Amino acid sequence: MSTPPATPGSVRPDAALANERIRALVDERADEAWPAEEYELLLLEWAAATQGCVTAAA
């Protein structure tokens, strides 16, 4: 079963979750070394969610 396309102005739940995780990572690491690999994985997860083809980031 496929997911219907998002309506204009709406946010897919998976994209919203990935976005919140990215924000939390940024907030937690504001003054520390940047976890580039973790950030890149979250960006890939967010990008997949916004395109409607969510896959688990390894």
N, C-alpha and C. Protein backbone atom coordinates (compact mmCIF):
# COMPACT_ATOMS: atom_id res chain seq x y z
N MET A 1 0.84 -1.17 0.00
CA MET A 1 0.00 0.00 0.00
C MET A 1 0.89 1.24 0.00
N SER A 2 0.58 2.18 -0.85
CA SER A 2 1.40 3.38 -0.93
C SER A 2 0.77 4.51 -0.12
N THR A 3 1.62 5.46 0.23
CA THR A 3 1.19 6.62 0.99
C THR A 3 0.72 7.69 0.02
N PRO A 4 -0.45 8.27 0.25
CA PRO A 4 -0.90 9.33 -0.67
C PRO A 4 0.01 10.54 -0.59
N PRO A 5 0.12 11.29 -1.68
CA PRO A 5 0.98 12.48 -1.66
C PRO A 5 0.48 13.50 -0.64
N ALA A 6 1.40 14.23 -0.09
CA ALA A 6 1.05 15.27 0.88
C ALA A 6 0.34 16.40 0.17
N THR A 7 -0.61 16.99 0.85
CA THR A 7 -1.28 18.15 0.28
C THR A 7 -0.40 19.37 0.50
N PRO A 8 -0.51 20.37 -0.36
CA PRO A 8 0.32 21.57 -0.20
C PRO A 8 0.17 22.15 1.21
N GLY A 9 1.28 22.45 1.81
CA GLY A 9 1.27 23.04 3.14
C GLY A 9 1.25 22.03 4.27
N SER A 10 1.09 20.73 3.95
CA SER A 10 1.08 19.73 5.01
C SER A 10 2.46 19.13 5.17
N VAL A 11 2.69 18.53 6.31
CA VAL A 11 3.97 17.89 6.59
C VAL A 11 3.69 16.43 6.91
N ARG A 12 4.41 15.55 6.25
CA ARG A 12 4.25 14.12 6.53
C ARG A 12 4.73 13.86 7.95
N PRO A 13 4.05 12.95 8.65
CA PRO A 13 4.46 12.66 10.04
C PRO A 13 5.92 12.21 10.13
N ASP A 14 6.40 11.40 9.17
CA ASP A 14 7.79 10.94 9.21
C ASP A 14 8.76 12.09 9.00
N ALA A 15 8.40 13.03 8.15
CA ALA A 15 9.25 14.19 7.91
C ALA A 15 9.29 15.07 9.15
N ALA A 16 8.14 15.23 9.80
CA ALA A 16 8.08 16.05 11.01
C ALA A 16 8.92 15.42 12.11
N LEU A 17 8.86 14.10 12.24
CA LEU A 17 9.66 13.40 13.25
C LEU A 17 11.15 13.57 12.96
N ALA A 18 11.54 13.38 11.72
CA ALA A 18 12.96 13.54 11.35
C ALA A 18 13.40 14.97 11.61
N ASN A 19 12.55 15.93 11.30
CA ASN A 19 12.88 17.34 11.53
C ASN A 19 13.09 17.60 13.02
N GLU A 20 12.22 17.06 13.85
CA GLU A 20 12.37 17.23 15.30
C GLU A 20 13.67 16.60 15.80
N ARG A 21 14.03 15.45 15.25
CA ARG A 21 15.28 14.80 15.66
C ARG A 21 16.49 15.62 15.23
N ILE A 22 16.42 16.24 14.06
CA ILE A 22 17.51 17.11 13.61
C ILE A 22 17.62 18.33 14.52
N ARG A 23 16.49 18.94 14.86
CA ARG A 23 16.51 20.09 15.76
C ARG A 23 17.08 19.72 17.13
N ALA A 24 16.69 18.57 17.64
CA ALA A 24 17.20 18.13 18.95
C ALA A 24 18.70 17.93 18.89
N LEU A 25 19.18 17.33 17.81
CA LEU A 25 20.62 17.11 17.66
C LEU A 25 21.36 18.44 17.64
N VAL A 26 20.84 19.40 16.88
CA VAL A 26 21.48 20.72 16.79
C VAL A 26 21.48 21.39 18.16
N ASP A 27 20.34 21.34 18.85
CA ASP A 27 20.24 21.98 20.17
C ASP A 27 21.19 21.33 21.18
N GLU A 28 21.27 20.00 21.16
CA GLU A 28 22.11 19.28 22.11
C GLU A 28 23.60 19.52 21.87
N ARG A 29 23.98 19.72 20.62
CA ARG A 29 25.39 19.80 20.26
C ARG A 29 25.84 21.21 19.91
N ALA A 30 25.13 22.21 20.36
CA ALA A 30 25.43 23.59 19.97
C ALA A 30 26.87 23.98 20.26
N ASP A 31 27.40 23.55 21.39
CA ASP A 31 28.75 23.97 21.79
C ASP A 31 29.76 22.82 21.77
N GLU A 32 29.41 21.71 21.13
CA GLU A 32 30.27 20.54 21.12
C GLU A 32 30.71 20.20 19.70
N ALA A 33 31.53 19.16 19.61
CA ALA A 33 31.95 18.66 18.30
C ALA A 33 30.71 18.19 17.53
N TRP A 34 30.69 18.45 16.26
CA TRP A 34 29.53 18.13 15.43
C TRP A 34 29.55 16.67 15.00
N PRO A 35 28.48 15.92 15.24
CA PRO A 35 28.39 14.52 14.82
C PRO A 35 27.93 14.44 13.36
N ALA A 36 28.85 14.69 12.44
CA ALA A 36 28.50 14.82 11.02
C ALA A 36 27.78 13.59 10.48
N GLU A 37 28.24 12.41 10.84
CA GLU A 37 27.62 11.19 10.31
C GLU A 37 26.16 11.07 10.77
N GLU A 38 25.91 11.31 12.03
CA GLU A 38 24.55 11.24 12.55
C GLU A 38 23.65 12.28 11.87
N TYR A 39 24.18 13.48 11.69
CA TYR A 39 23.42 14.55 11.04
C TYR A 39 23.09 14.17 9.60
N GLU A 40 24.05 13.63 8.87
CA GLU A 40 23.82 13.24 7.49
C GLU A 40 22.76 12.15 7.40
N LEU A 41 22.77 11.20 8.32
CA LEU A 41 21.76 10.14 8.32
C LEU A 41 20.37 10.72 8.57
N LEU A 42 20.28 11.67 9.49
CA LEU A 42 18.99 12.31 9.75
C LEU A 42 18.51 13.12 8.55
N LEU A 43 19.43 13.76 7.86
CA LEU A 43 19.05 14.51 6.66
C LEU A 43 18.53 13.58 5.57
N LEU A 44 19.17 12.41 5.41
CA LEU A 44 18.70 11.44 4.44
C LEU A 44 17.31 10.93 4.81
N GLU A 45 17.10 10.69 6.09
CA GLU A 45 15.79 10.24 6.56
C GLU A 45 14.73 11.30 6.28
N TRP A 46 15.06 12.56 6.57
CA TRP A 46 14.13 13.65 6.32
C TRP A 46 13.82 13.78 4.82
N ALA A 47 14.86 13.71 4.00
CA ALA A 47 14.67 13.85 2.55
C ALA A 47 13.78 12.73 2.02
N ALA A 48 14.00 11.51 2.46
CA ALA A 48 13.17 10.39 2.02
C ALA A 48 11.73 10.59 2.47
N ALA A 49 11.53 11.08 3.68
CA ALA A 49 10.18 11.28 4.20
C ALA A 49 9.45 12.37 3.43
N THR A 50 10.16 13.41 3.03
CA THR A 50 9.49 14.49 2.31
C THR A 50 9.17 14.09 0.88
N GLN A 51 9.85 13.06 0.37
CA GLN A 51 9.59 12.57 -0.97
C GLN A 51 8.58 11.42 -0.95
N GLY A 52 8.19 10.98 0.24
CA GLY A 52 7.19 9.94 0.35
C GLY A 52 7.72 8.53 0.23
N CYS A 53 9.03 8.37 0.23
CA CYS A 53 9.58 7.02 0.14
C CYS A 53 10.49 6.79 1.34
N VAL A 54 9.89 6.68 2.51
CA VAL A 54 10.63 6.57 3.75
C VAL A 54 11.35 5.24 3.81
N THR A 55 12.65 5.32 4.07
CA THR A 55 13.46 4.13 4.31
C THR A 55 14.23 4.37 5.59
N ALA A 56 14.54 3.33 6.28
CA ALA A 56 15.29 3.47 7.54
C ALA A 56 16.72 3.86 7.22
N ALA A 57 17.20 4.87 7.88
CA ALA A 57 18.59 5.27 7.76
C ALA A 57 19.42 4.33 8.61
N ALA A 58 20.44 3.76 8.03
CA ALA A 58 21.27 2.78 8.76
C ALA A 58 22.30 3.46 9.61
